[in-house]
Amino acid sequence: QVQLVESGGGLVQPGGSLRLSCAASGFTSRNVAIGWFRQAPGKEREAVSCISMPDGITAYTDSVKGRFAISRDNAKNTVNLQLNNLKPEDTAVYYCAAGKATYLERGYVCYTYATEYNTWGQGTQVTVSS
């Protein structure tokens, strides 16, 4: 059974940084994609980023490009999300999720659609406020 545990959330001032981690266990296949999503109070869940575990190919939503960076450590089955230059509108509960990576000619890719993921972590709160 796949399990995901997020950590690293907290309170940070605007312009600050945080590093979120998603520790995964129970995978029976290496054909895995890990996605990060977030949900702010009163708003719908929003995709943030994803990474394919086999090839490390990444994708980001436009609002975080250039500020957030996703990376993986296959040996530790961990995916990290570095959040830089945080803004108050980044405040949300951040979730990591696991699904299947898709093989294309350029390698295994991921998609930032929630429907591509079937296992979710419990979430970690990120609050950006002065």
Foldseek 3Di string as FASTA:
>chain_A
DKAKAKDWADEAAQQAKIKMKIQIDDDPDLQKKKWKWWDDPPGDIGTAKMAGRVPGDMDGDPVCPPAKDWDADVVRNMIMIMGGRDDQVVWTWMKMFMAGFDQDPVGTHDDRDPVRGDYIHPTDTHGYHD
